[in-house]
Full PDB file with SEQRES, HELIX, SHEET, SSBOND, CRYST1, ORIGX, SCALE, CONECT and MASTER records, all heavy atoms in Angstrom:
SEQRES   1 A   37  ASP ILE VAL THR VAL GLY ALA GLY GLY GLY SER ILE ALA          
SEQRES   2 A   37  VAL ILE ASP HIS GLY GLY MET LEU SER VAL GLY PRO GLN          
SEQRES   3 A   37  SER ALA GLY ALA GLU PRO GLY PRO ALA CYS TYR                  
SHEET    1 AA1 2 SER A  11  ILE A  15  0                                        
SHEET    2 AA1 2 LEU A  21  SER A  27 -1                                        
CRYST1    1.000    1.000    1.000  90.00  90.00  90.00 P 1           1          
ORIGX1      1.000000  0.000000  0.000000        0.00000                         
ORIGX2      0.000000  1.000000  0.000000        0.00000                         
ORIGX3      0.000000  0.000000  1.000000        0.00000                         
SCALE1      1.000000  0.000000  0.000000        0.00000                         
SCALE2      0.000000  1.000000  0.000000        0.00000                         
SCALE3      0.000000  0.000000  1.000000        0.00000                         
ATOM      1  N   ASP A   1     103.927  91.296 113.887  1.00  0.00           N  
ATOM      2  CA  ASP A   1     102.897  91.696 114.842  1.00  0.00           C  
ATOM      3  C   ASP A   1     102.938  93.207 115.058  1.00  0.00           C  
ATOM      4  O   ASP A   1     103.767  93.721 115.811  1.00  0.00           O  
ATOM      5  CB  ASP A   1     103.115  90.960 116.171  1.00  0.00           C  
ATOM      6  CG  ASP A   1     101.947  91.131 117.127  1.00  0.00           C  
ATOM      7  OD1 ASP A   1     100.903  91.659 116.698  1.00  0.00           O  
ATOM      8  OD2 ASP A   1     102.075  90.730 118.304  1.00  0.00           O  
ATOM      9  N   ILE A   2     102.046  93.912 114.374  1.00  0.00           N  
ATOM     10  CA  ILE A   2     101.990  95.375 114.433  1.00  0.00           C  
ATOM     11  C   ILE A   2     100.601  95.812 114.865  1.00  0.00           C  
ATOM     12  O   ILE A   2      99.601  95.280 114.392  1.00  0.00           O  
ATOM     13  CB  ILE A   2     102.334  96.002 113.063  1.00  0.00           C  
ATOM     14  CG1 ILE A   2     103.828  95.849 112.769  1.00  0.00           C  
ATOM     15  CG2 ILE A   2     101.952  97.479 113.002  1.00  0.00           C  
ATOM     16  CD1 ILE A   2     104.246  96.409 111.426  1.00  0.00           C  
ATOM     17  N   VAL A   3     100.558  96.775 115.765  1.00  0.00           N  
ATOM     18  CA  VAL A   3      99.307  97.413 116.163  1.00  0.00           C  
ATOM     19  C   VAL A   3      99.329  98.841 115.631  1.00  0.00           C  
ATOM     20  O   VAL A   3     100.313  99.563 115.807  1.00  0.00           O  
ATOM     21  CB  VAL A   3      99.142  97.415 117.698  1.00  0.00           C  
ATOM     22  CG1 VAL A   3      97.975  98.312 118.116  1.00  0.00           C  
ATOM     23  CG2 VAL A   3      98.927  95.997 118.203  1.00  0.00           C  
ATOM     24  N   THR A   4      98.250  99.250 114.964  1.00  0.00           N  
ATOM     25  CA  THR A   4      98.163 100.597 114.396  1.00  0.00           C  
ATOM     26  C   THR A   4      97.164 101.424 115.190  1.00  0.00           C  
ATOM     27  O   THR A   4      96.053 100.974 115.471  1.00  0.00           O  
ATOM     28  CB  THR A   4      97.731 100.536 112.921  1.00  0.00           C  
ATOM     29  OG1 THR A   4      98.710  99.787 112.178  1.00  0.00           O  
ATOM     30  CG2 THR A   4      97.634 101.929 112.326  1.00  0.00           C  
ATOM     31  N   VAL A   5      97.575 102.634 115.539  1.00  0.00           N  
ATOM     32  CA  VAL A   5      96.760 103.560 116.315  1.00  0.00           C  
ATOM     33  C   VAL A   5      96.542 104.819 115.483  1.00  0.00           C  
ATOM     34  O   VAL A   5      97.456 105.299 114.814  1.00  0.00           O  
ATOM     35  CB  VAL A   5      97.461 103.933 117.645  1.00  0.00           C  
ATOM     36  CG1 VAL A   5      96.602 104.899 118.463  1.00  0.00           C  
ATOM     37  CG2 VAL A   5      97.769 102.685 118.456  1.00  0.00           C  
ATOM     38  N   GLY A   6      95.324 105.353 115.526  1.00  0.00           N  
ATOM     39  CA  GLY A   6      95.011 106.565 114.765  1.00  0.00           C  
ATOM     40  C   GLY A   6      95.518 107.811 115.452  1.00  0.00           C  
ATOM     41  O   GLY A   6      94.737 108.639 115.919  1.00  0.00           O  
ATOM     42  N   ALA A   7      96.834 107.955 115.513  1.00  0.00           N  
ATOM     43  CA  ALA A   7      97.453 109.128 116.151  1.00  0.00           C  
ATOM     44  C   ALA A   7      98.672 109.522 115.351  1.00  0.00           C  
ATOM     45  O   ALA A   7      99.575 108.707 115.125  1.00  0.00           O  
ATOM     46  CB  ALA A   7      97.853 108.813 117.590  1.00  0.00           C  
ATOM     47  N   GLY A   8      98.692 110.775 114.890  1.00  0.00           N  
ATOM     48  CA  GLY A   8      99.824 111.273 114.126  1.00  0.00           C  
ATOM     49  C   GLY A   8      99.840 112.791 114.152  1.00  0.00           C  
ATOM     50  O   GLY A   8      98.992 113.437 114.785  1.00  0.00           O  
ATOM     51  N   GLY A   9     100.790 113.361 113.446  1.00  0.00           N  
ATOM     52  CA  GLY A   9     100.918 114.799 113.448  1.00  0.00           C  
ATOM     53  C   GLY A   9      99.704 115.520 112.912  1.00  0.00           C  
ATOM     54  O   GLY A   9      99.396 116.648 113.319  1.00  0.00           O  
ATOM     55  N   GLY A  10      98.977 114.895 111.992  1.00  0.00           N  
ATOM     56  CA  GLY A  10      97.787 115.517 111.423  1.00  0.00           C  
ATOM     57  C   GLY A  10      96.502 115.186 112.148  1.00  0.00           C  
ATOM     58  O   GLY A  10      95.418 115.620 111.714  1.00  0.00           O  
ATOM     59  N   SER A  11      96.572 114.427 113.247  1.00  0.00           N  
ATOM     60  CA  SER A  11      95.371 114.047 113.993  1.00  0.00           C  
ATOM     61  C   SER A  11      94.655 115.287 114.503  1.00  0.00           C  
ATOM     62  O   SER A  11      95.256 116.171 115.118  1.00  0.00           O  
ATOM     63  CB  SER A  11      95.736 113.134 115.173  1.00  0.00           C  
ATOM     64  OG  SER A  11      96.237 111.895 114.710  1.00  0.00           O  
ATOM     65  N   ILE A  12      93.351 115.342 114.252  1.00  0.00           N  
ATOM     66  CA  ILE A  12      92.559 116.530 114.559  1.00  0.00           C  
ATOM     67  C   ILE A  12      92.019 116.459 115.986  1.00  0.00           C  
ATOM     68  O   ILE A  12      91.500 115.424 116.421  1.00  0.00           O  
ATOM     69  CB  ILE A  12      91.399 116.665 113.560  1.00  0.00           C  
ATOM     70  CG1 ILE A  12      91.967 116.886 112.147  1.00  0.00           C  
ATOM     71  CG2 ILE A  12      90.467 117.813 113.941  1.00  0.00           C  
ATOM     72  CD1 ILE A  12      90.913 116.817 111.055  1.00  0.00           C  
ATOM     73  N   ALA A  13      92.147 117.556 116.707  1.00  0.00           N  
ATOM     74  CA  ALA A  13      91.622 117.664 118.071  1.00  0.00           C  
ATOM     75  C   ALA A  13      90.197 118.204 118.018  1.00  0.00           C  
ATOM     76  O   ALA A  13      89.925 119.207 117.352  1.00  0.00           O  
ATOM     77  CB  ALA A  13      92.500 118.593 118.903  1.00  0.00           C  
ATOM     78  N   VAL A  14      89.283 117.526 118.706  1.00  0.00           N  
ATOM     79  CA  VAL A  14      87.884 117.958 118.752  1.00  0.00           C  
ATOM     80  C   VAL A  14      87.351 117.815 120.170  1.00  0.00           C  
ATOM     81  O   VAL A  14      87.843 116.999 120.962  1.00  0.00           O  
ATOM     82  CB  VAL A  14      86.995 117.146 117.783  1.00  0.00           C  
ATOM     83  CG1 VAL A  14      87.417 117.351 116.340  1.00  0.00           C  
ATOM     84  CG2 VAL A  14      87.034 115.660 118.135  1.00  0.00           C  
ATOM     85  N   ILE A  15      86.334 118.617 120.485  1.00  0.00           N  
ATOM     86  CA  ILE A  15      85.600 118.492 121.747  1.00  0.00           C  
ATOM     87  C   ILE A  15      84.240 117.892 121.413  1.00  0.00           C  
ATOM     88  O   ILE A  15      83.498 118.435 120.586  1.00  0.00           O  
ATOM     89  CB  ILE A  15      85.409 119.863 122.429  1.00  0.00           C  
ATOM     90  CG1 ILE A  15      86.753 120.577 122.614  1.00  0.00           C  
ATOM     91  CG2 ILE A  15      84.688 119.703 123.759  1.00  0.00           C  
ATOM     92  CD1 ILE A  15      87.657 119.959 123.625  1.00  0.00           C  
ATOM     93  N   ASP A  16      83.905 116.759 122.037  1.00  0.00           N  
ATOM     94  CA  ASP A  16      82.629 116.125 121.717  1.00  0.00           C  
ATOM     95  C   ASP A  16      81.488 116.799 122.479  1.00  0.00           C  
ATOM     96  O   ASP A  16      81.686 117.763 123.233  1.00  0.00           O  
ATOM     97  CB  ASP A  16      82.689 114.622 121.994  1.00  0.00           C  
ATOM     98  CG  ASP A  16      82.899 114.288 123.465  1.00  0.00           C  
ATOM     99  OD1 ASP A  16      82.620 115.146 124.327  1.00  0.00           O  
ATOM    100  OD2 ASP A  16      83.318 113.150 123.762  1.00  0.00           O  
ATOM    101  N   HIS A  17      80.267 116.270 122.275  1.00  0.00           N  
ATOM    102  CA  HIS A  17      79.084 116.892 122.882  1.00  0.00           C  
ATOM    103  C   HIS A  17      79.114 116.833 124.402  1.00  0.00           C  
ATOM    104  O   HIS A  17      78.458 117.619 125.079  1.00  0.00           O  
ATOM    105  CB  HIS A  17      77.817 116.213 122.354  1.00  0.00           C  
ATOM    106  CG  HIS A  17      77.593 116.436 120.888  1.00  0.00           C  
ATOM    107  ND1 HIS A  17      77.379 117.688 120.353  1.00  0.00           N  
ATOM    108  CD2 HIS A  17      77.566 115.567 119.853  1.00  0.00           C  
ATOM    109  CE1 HIS A  17      77.218 117.586 119.048  1.00  0.00           C  
ATOM    110  NE2 HIS A  17      77.330 116.307 118.712  1.00  0.00           N  
ATOM    111  N   GLY A  18      79.876 115.874 124.937  1.00  0.00           N  
ATOM    112  CA  GLY A  18      79.986 115.780 126.394  1.00  0.00           C  
ATOM    113  C   GLY A  18      81.100 116.628 126.976  1.00  0.00           C  
ATOM    114  O   GLY A  18      81.348 116.568 128.178  1.00  0.00           O  
ATOM    115  N   GLY A  19      81.780 117.397 126.111  1.00  0.00           N  
ATOM    116  CA  GLY A  19      82.861 118.252 126.586  1.00  0.00           C  
ATOM    117  C   GLY A  19      84.200 117.561 126.712  1.00  0.00           C  
ATOM    118  O   GLY A  19      85.137 118.117 127.286  1.00  0.00           O  
ATOM    119  N   MET A  20      84.321 116.323 126.154  1.00  0.00           N  
ATOM    120  CA  MET A  20      85.571 115.569 126.249  1.00  0.00           C  
ATOM    121  C   MET A  20      86.447 115.859 125.042  1.00  0.00           C  
ATOM    122  O   MET A  20      85.978 115.946 123.908  1.00  0.00           O  
ATOM    123  CB  MET A  20      85.286 114.068 126.325  1.00  0.00           C  
ATOM    124  CG  MET A  20      84.533 113.644 127.579  1.00  0.00           C  
ATOM    125  SD  MET A  20      85.520 113.859 129.076  1.00  0.00           S  
ATOM    126  CE  MET A  20      86.763 112.599 128.806  1.00  0.00           C  
ATOM    127  N   LEU A  21      87.740 115.987 125.287  1.00  0.00           N  
ATOM    128  CA  LEU A  21      88.713 116.220 124.230  1.00  0.00           C  
ATOM    129  C   LEU A  21      89.175 114.889 123.650  1.00  0.00           C  
ATOM    130  O   LEU A  21      89.518 113.959 124.379  1.00  0.00           O  
ATOM    131  CB  LEU A  21      89.922 116.981 124.785  1.00  0.00           C  
ATOM    132  CG  LEU A  21      91.125 117.148 123.851  1.00  0.00           C  
ATOM    133  CD1 LEU A  21      90.772 118.034 122.656  1.00  0.00           C  
ATOM    134  CD2 LEU A  21      92.319 117.719 124.624  1.00  0.00           C  
ATOM    135  N   SER A  22      89.173 114.791 122.332  1.00  0.00           N  
ATOM    136  CA  SER A  22      89.741 113.622 121.663  1.00  0.00           C  
ATOM    137  C   SER A  22      90.675 114.102 120.561  1.00  0.00           C  
ATOM    138  O   SER A  22      90.505 115.192 120.008  1.00  0.00           O  
ATOM    139  CB  SER A  22      88.641 112.718 121.081  1.00  0.00           C  
ATOM    140  OG  SER A  22      87.905 113.400 120.087  1.00  0.00           O  
ATOM    141  N   VAL A  23      91.671 113.277 120.237  1.00  0.00           N  
ATOM    142  CA  VAL A  23      92.654 113.602 119.203  1.00  0.00           C  
ATOM    143  C   VAL A  23      92.737 112.412 118.267  1.00  0.00           C  
ATOM    144  O   VAL A  23      93.167 111.333 118.667  1.00  0.00           O  
ATOM    145  CB  VAL A  23      94.037 113.909 119.812  1.00  0.00           C  
ATOM    146  CG1 VAL A  23      95.029 114.290 118.715  1.00  0.00           C  
ATOM    147  CG2 VAL A  23      93.942 115.013 120.849  1.00  0.00           C  
ATOM    148  N   GLY A  24      92.309 112.604 116.992  1.00  0.00           N  
ATOM    149  CA  GLY A  24      92.255 111.517 116.033  1.00  0.00           C  
ATOM    150  C   GLY A  24      91.052 110.630 116.290  1.00  0.00           C  
ATOM    151  O   GLY A  24      90.292 110.851 117.241  1.00  0.00           O  
ATOM    152  N   PRO A  25      90.818 109.612 115.455  1.00  0.00           N  
ATOM    153  CA  PRO A  25      91.661 109.196 114.329  1.00  0.00           C  
ATOM    154  C   PRO A  25      91.517 110.050 113.069  1.00  0.00           C  
ATOM    155  O   PRO A  25      92.262 109.866 112.116  1.00  0.00           O  
ATOM    156  CB  PRO A  25      91.191 107.758 114.071  1.00  0.00           C  
ATOM    157  CG  PRO A  25      89.747 107.762 114.473  1.00  0.00           C  
ATOM    158  CD  PRO A  25      89.670 108.701 115.658  1.00  0.00           C  
ATOM    159  N   GLN A  26      90.527 110.973 113.043  1.00  0.00           N  
ATOM    160  CA  GLN A  26      90.415 111.837 111.873  1.00  0.00           C  
ATOM    161  C   GLN A  26      91.694 112.661 111.725  1.00  0.00           C  
ATOM    162  O   GLN A  26      92.256 113.148 112.695  1.00  0.00           O  
ATOM    163  CB  GLN A  26      89.209 112.772 111.997  1.00  0.00           C  
ATOM    164  CG  GLN A  26      87.866 112.076 111.931  1.00  0.00           C  
ATOM    165  CD  GLN A  26      87.489 111.412 113.250  1.00  0.00           C  
ATOM    166  OE1 GLN A  26      88.069 111.747 114.290  1.00  0.00           O  
ATOM    167  NE2 GLN A  26      86.560 110.487 113.205  1.00  0.00           N  
ATOM    168  N   SER A  27      92.124 112.816 110.473  1.00  0.00           N  
ATOM    169  CA  SER A  27      93.390 113.503 110.222  1.00  0.00           C  
ATOM    170  C   SER A  27      93.221 114.581 109.161  1.00  0.00           C  
ATOM    171  O   SER A  27      92.410 114.448 108.236  1.00  0.00           O  
ATOM    172  CB  SER A  27      94.451 112.495 109.753  1.00  0.00           C  
ATOM    173  OG  SER A  27      95.653 113.144 109.395  1.00  0.00           O  
ATOM    174  N   ALA A  28      94.006 115.634 109.301  1.00  0.00           N  
ATOM    175  CA  ALA A  28      94.016 116.702 108.298  1.00  0.00           C  
ATOM    176  C   ALA A  28      94.761 116.287 107.041  1.00  0.00           C  
ATOM    177  O   ALA A  28      94.685 116.976 106.023  1.00  0.00           O  
ATOM    178  CB  ALA A  28      94.668 117.956 108.890  1.00  0.00           C  
ATOM    179  N   GLY A  29      95.480 115.153 107.092  1.00  0.00           N  
ATOM    180  CA  GLY A  29      96.199 114.673 105.930  1.00  0.00           C  
ATOM    181  C   GLY A  29      97.314 115.603 105.500  1.00  0.00           C  
ATOM    182  O   GLY A  29      97.736 116.504 106.224  1.00  0.00           O  
ATOM    183  N   ALA A  30      97.797 115.389 104.287  1.00  0.00           N  
ATOM    184  CA  ALA A  30      98.850 116.254 103.754  1.00  0.00           C  
ATOM    185  C   ALA A  30      98.269 117.535 103.167  1.00  0.00           C  
ATOM    186  O   ALA A  30      98.923 118.579 103.172  1.00  0.00           O  
ATOM    187  CB  ALA A  30      99.651 115.509 102.691  1.00  0.00           C  
ATOM    188  N   GLU A  31      97.051 117.458 102.656  1.00  0.00           N  
ATOM    189  CA  GLU A  31      96.357 118.624 102.108  1.00  0.00           C  
ATOM    190  C   GLU A  31      94.942 118.639 102.666  1.00  0.00           C  
ATOM    191  O   GLU A  31      94.204 117.675 102.445  1.00  0.00           O  
ATOM    192  CB  GLU A  31      96.332 118.562 100.575  1.00  0.00           C  
ATOM    193  CG  GLU A  31      97.693 118.687  99.934  1.00  0.00           C  
ATOM    194  CD  GLU A  31      97.613 118.665  98.418  1.00  0.00           C  
ATOM    195  OE1 GLU A  31      96.478 118.535  97.886  1.00  0.00           O  
ATOM    196  OE2 GLU A  31      98.653 118.759  97.765  1.00  0.00           O  
ATOM    197  N   PRO A  32      94.525 119.658 103.404  1.00  0.00           N  
ATOM    198  CA  PRO A  32      95.280 120.889 103.640  1.00  0.00           C  
ATOM    199  C   PRO A  32      96.355 120.770 104.711  1.00  0.00           C  
ATOM    200  O   PRO A  32      97.192 121.647 104.848  1.00  0.00           O  
ATOM    201  CB  PRO A  32      94.193 121.856 104.080  1.00  0.00           C  
ATOM    202  CG  PRO A  32      93.197 121.000 104.785  1.00  0.00           C  
ATOM    203  CD  PRO A  32      93.165 119.728 103.994  1.00  0.00           C  
ATOM    204  N   GLY A  33      96.322 119.699 105.490  1.00  0.00           N  
ATOM    205  CA  GLY A  33      97.323 119.547 106.532  1.00  0.00           C  
ATOM    206  C   GLY A  33      96.985 120.356 107.767  1.00  0.00           C  
ATOM    207  O   GLY A  33      95.937 120.998 107.854  1.00  0.00           O  
ATOM    208  N   PRO A  34      97.889 120.349 108.765  1.00  0.00           N  
ATOM    209  CA  PRO A  34      97.686 121.162 109.969  1.00  0.00           C  
ATOM    210  C   PRO A  34      97.513 122.635 109.624  1.00  0.00           C  
ATOM    211  O   PRO A  34      97.983 123.103 108.581  1.00  0.00           O  
ATOM    212  CB  PRO A  34      98.976 120.916 110.768  1.00  0.00           C  
ATOM    213  CG  PRO A  34      99.471 119.584 110.299  1.00  0.00           C  
ATOM    214  CD  PRO A  34      99.112 119.517 108.849  1.00  0.00           C  
ATOM    215  N   ALA A  35      96.849 123.352 110.503  1.00  0.00           N  
ATOM    216  CA  ALA A  35      96.601 124.775 110.255  1.00  0.00           C  
ATOM    217  C   ALA A  35      97.899 125.553 110.061  1.00  0.00           C  
ATOM    218  O   ALA A  35      97.969 126.467 109.228  1.00  0.00           O  
ATOM    219  CB  ALA A  35      95.804 125.360 111.421  1.00  0.00           C  
ATOM    220  N   CYS A  36      98.943 125.184 110.783  1.00  0.00           N  
ATOM    221  CA  CYS A  36     100.204 125.925 110.715  1.00  0.00           C  
ATOM    222  C   CYS A  36     100.889 125.801 109.364  1.00  0.00           C  
ATOM    223  O   CYS A  36     101.816 126.565 109.065  1.00  0.00           O  
ATOM    224  CB  CYS A  36     101.149 125.477 111.830  1.00  0.00           C  
ATOM    225  SG  CYS A  36     101.577 123.730 111.772  1.00  0.00           S  
ATOM    226  N   TYR A  37     100.456 124.844 108.521  1.00  0.00           N  
ATOM    227  CA  TYR A  37     101.037 124.723 107.190  1.00  0.00           C  
ATOM    228  C   TYR A  37     100.629 125.881 106.280  1.00  0.00           C  
ATOM    229  O   TYR A  37     101.259 126.111 105.252  1.00  0.00           O  
ATOM    230  CB  TYR A  37     100.617 123.407 106.538  1.00  0.00           C  
ATOM    231  CG  TYR A  37     101.404 122.195 106.979  1.00  0.00           C  
ATOM    232  CD1 TYR A  37     102.105 122.186 108.183  1.00  0.00           C  
ATOM    233  CD2 TYR A  37     101.444 121.056 106.195  1.00  0.00           C  
ATOM    234  CE1 TYR A  37     102.811 121.075 108.584  1.00  0.00           C  
ATOM    235  CE2 TYR A  37     102.152 119.937 106.585  1.00  0.00           C  
ATOM    236  CZ  TYR A  37     102.837 119.943 107.778  1.00  0.00           C  
ATOM    237  OH  TYR A  37     103.536 118.833 108.171  1.00  0.00           O  
TER     238      TYR A  37                                                      
MASTER        0    0    0    0    2    0    0    6  237    1    0    3          
END                                                                             
């Protein structure tokens, strides 16, 4: 019994049209990865 959530180190932070902050499920992946890479 496993639940998977779209949250990880590569999860991308975005501000939607309503001004709300969300993190994931879209991910930067391994390439190009986070900006700091």
